[in-house]
Amino acid sequence: MPAERDTQDTRSTVERRIARSLEDAGRVGKPLSRRARQTQRSVEAYLRAGVMPRYMERLRDIDAGVDMERRRIERAYRALREECGDDVHLFAQRWGARAALYRFDHLNELIREHNEWYPIEAQLPMDPRTRDYVSLKGRSFRRRELGLSWVLEQFPAGA
């Protein structure tokens, strides 16, 4: 009997395989979930699903940059403390002068970009009363730029 079916079917093996794989070929399967039925099917949605959003990449870069700067400054802070020994006034004077020399231009540019674009990219809702974006878990999404005050806050000259 199978030999008769093969002689009557003039389709190639590939064509028969494709015909069997079609959804409407009479197979009974699991119904699609509600989420799968409601998910937007578009090229844009497909591309978004496979790529980390820019705001996440930027936040990762900011956090890594701040950690790197903190470690770099901490090494200099400890070295200067050892160099000055027990002379607290000499340390405070030298540390204040050295702390003023640190530059964070690239990191501050990322922070400014984050503060400007994050609410739009993350689609934060607006609070109509304040005319500002809703805060995240009770705190602002905005990041503070780094500078002399940040250095002295992290590594005080008088301590």
Protein backbone atom coordinates (compact mmCIF):
# COMPACT_ATOMS: atom_id res chain seq x y z
CA MET A 1 0.00 0.00 0.00
CA PRO A 2 2.75 2.58 0.80
CA ALA A 3 4.25 1.92 -2.62
CA GLU A 4 0.97 2.96 -4.27
CA ARG A 5 0.89 6.25 -2.30
CA ASP A 6 4.49 7.07 -3.33
CA THR A 7 3.69 6.48 -7.02
CA GLN A 8 0.60 8.68 -6.86
CA ASP A 9 2.38 11.55 -5.00
CA THR A 10 4.54 13.40 -7.51
CA ARG A 11 5.90 15.87 -4.96
CA SER A 12 9.55 15.74 -3.97
CA THR A 13 10.66 14.65 -0.51
CA VAL A 14 11.21 18.27 0.50
CA GLU A 15 7.75 19.27 -0.65
CA ARG A 16 6.18 16.40 1.31
CA ARG A 17 8.21 17.40 4.41
CA ILE A 18 7.06 21.00 4.14
CA ALA A 19 3.47 19.93 3.69
CA ARG A 20 3.66 17.82 6.87
CA SER A 21 5.15 20.69 8.88
CA LEU A 22 2.38 23.17 8.15
CA GLU A 23 0.26 24.16 11.14
CA ASP A 24 -2.99 23.46 9.38
CA ALA A 25 -2.00 19.95 8.34
CA GLY A 26 -4.45 18.52 10.84
CA ARG A 27 -2.07 18.21 13.78
CA VAL A 28 -3.55 18.83 17.17
CA GLY A 29 -1.18 20.64 19.47
CA LYS A 30 -1.12 22.84 22.49
CA PRO A 31 -2.98 26.12 22.11
CA LEU A 32 -0.87 29.27 22.18
CA SER A 33 -0.58 30.99 25.52
CA ARG A 34 -2.29 34.30 26.10
CA ARG A 35 1.08 36.04 26.15
CA ALA A 36 2.10 34.48 22.84
CA ARG A 37 -1.22 35.51 21.26
CA GLN A 38 -0.92 39.11 22.44
CA THR A 39 2.78 39.66 21.72
CA GLN A 40 3.38 42.05 18.88
CA ARG A 41 4.96 40.28 15.95
CA SER A 42 7.09 42.73 14.02
CA VAL A 43 10.67 43.16 12.94
CA GLU A 44 11.10 45.91 15.54
CA ALA A 45 9.85 43.69 18.37
CA TYR A 46 12.13 40.87 17.20
CA LEU A 47 15.17 43.16 17.15
CA ARG A 48 14.32 44.65 20.55
CA ALA A 49 14.07 41.17 22.06
CA GLY A 50 17.61 40.25 21.08
CA VAL A 51 19.42 43.44 22.02
CA MET A 52 20.08 44.98 25.42
CA PRO A 53 18.44 48.43 25.53
CA ARG A 54 20.87 51.36 25.28
CA TYR A 55 19.93 52.71 28.72
CA MET A 56 20.99 49.40 30.30
CA GLU A 57 24.31 49.44 28.46
CA ARG A 58 24.87 53.05 29.52
CA LEU A 59 24.04 52.31 33.17
CA ARG A 60 26.43 49.36 33.10
CA ASP A 61 29.16 51.60 31.65
CA ILE A 62 28.50 54.30 34.25
CA ASP A 63 28.59 51.86 37.17
CA ALA A 64 31.78 50.21 35.89
CA GLY A 65 33.40 53.61 35.31
CA VAL A 66 32.52 54.86 38.79
CA ASP A 67 33.90 51.67 40.36
CA MET A 68 37.11 51.96 38.34
CA GLU A 69 37.57 55.62 39.34
CA ARG A 70 36.85 54.83 42.98
CA ARG A 71 39.52 52.10 43.02
CA ARG A 72 42.03 54.35 41.25
CA ILE A 73 41.46 57.22 43.67
CA GLU A 74 41.52 54.89 46.67
CA ARG A 75 45.01 53.67 45.69
CA ALA A 76 46.25 57.27 45.46
CA TYR A 77 44.52 58.15 48.74
CA ARG A 78 46.19 55.28 50.62
CA ALA A 79 49.60 56.01 49.09
CA LEU A 80 49.41 59.67 50.09
CA ARG A 81 48.23 58.77 53.59
CA GLU A 82 51.24 56.48 54.03
CA GLU A 83 53.56 59.15 52.61
CA CYS A 84 52.29 61.83 55.01
CA GLY A 85 52.30 59.55 58.05
CA ASP A 86 50.79 61.18 61.14
CA ASP A 87 50.84 64.74 59.75
CA VAL A 88 47.10 65.30 59.29
CA HIS A 89 47.44 68.91 58.09
CA LEU A 90 50.00 68.00 55.41
CA PHE A 91 47.78 65.15 54.23
CA ALA A 92 44.68 67.40 54.09
CA GLN A 93 46.56 70.05 52.12
CA ARG A 94 48.09 67.61 49.63
CA TRP A 95 44.92 65.56 49.25
CA GLY A 96 42.81 68.67 48.58
CA ALA A 97 45.24 69.74 45.85
CA ARG A 98 45.37 66.26 44.32
CA ALA A 99 41.60 65.72 44.47
CA ALA A 100 41.06 68.91 42.49
CA LEU A 101 43.12 67.46 39.61
CA TYR A 102 40.89 64.44 38.93
CA ARG A 103 38.91 64.68 35.68
CA PHE A 104 35.78 62.68 34.90
CA ASP A 105 34.79 64.19 31.54
CA HIS A 106 33.97 60.94 29.73
CA LEU A 107 32.02 59.53 32.67
CA ASN A 108 30.15 62.81 33.21
CA GLU A 109 29.20 62.84 29.54
CA LEU A 110 27.64 59.37 29.97
CA ILE A 111 25.85 60.57 33.10
CA ARG A 112 24.46 63.63 31.28
CA GLU A 113 23.31 61.38 28.42
CA HIS A 114 21.66 59.04 30.93
CA ASN A 115 19.88 61.88 32.73
CA GLU A 116 18.56 63.24 29.44
CA TRP A 117 17.51 60.02 27.66
CA TYR A 118 16.74 57.43 30.36
CA PRO A 119 13.12 58.44 30.98
CA ILE A 120 12.33 58.31 27.28
CA GLU A 121 14.17 55.05 26.58
CA ALA A 122 12.73 53.32 29.66
CA GLN A 123 9.27 54.80 28.92
CA LEU A 124 8.85 56.23 32.42
CA PRO A 125 5.42 57.68 33.09
CA MET A 126 5.00 61.36 33.96
CA ASP A 127 3.51 62.71 37.13
CA PRO A 128 1.01 65.38 36.02
CA ARG A 129 1.26 67.26 39.33
CA THR A 130 5.04 67.71 39.30
CA ARG A 131 5.41 67.63 35.49
CA ASP A 132 8.38 65.35 36.00
CA TYR A 133 8.98 61.67 35.45
CA VAL A 134 7.87 59.27 38.18
CA SER A 135 10.66 58.28 40.55
CA LEU A 136 11.93 54.73 40.71
CA LYS A 137 11.41 53.03 44.06
CA GLY A 138 11.23 56.40 45.77
CA ARG A 139 14.42 57.85 44.31
CA SER A 140 15.25 59.83 41.22
CA PHE A 141 16.61 58.15 38.11
CA ARG A 142 19.06 61.02 37.68
CA ARG A 143 22.73 60.37 38.42
CA ARG A 144 24.99 62.96 39.99
CA GLU A 145 28.02 64.03 37.99
CA LEU A 146 31.45 63.33 39.45
CA GLY A 147 33.80 66.10 40.51
CA LEU A 148 35.81 67.45 43.43
CA SER A 149 32.85 67.23 45.82
CA TRP A 150 32.34 63.54 44.92
CA VAL A 151 36.04 62.76 45.47
CA LEU A 152 36.10 64.51 48.87
CA GLU A 153 32.82 62.86 49.85
CA GLN A 154 34.21 59.40 49.08
CA PHE A 155 37.70 60.10 50.45
CA PRO A 156 37.64 63.00 52.92
CA ALA A 157 40.78 65.08 53.43
CA GLY A 158 40.26 65.41 57.17
CA ALA A 159 39.81 61.69 57.95
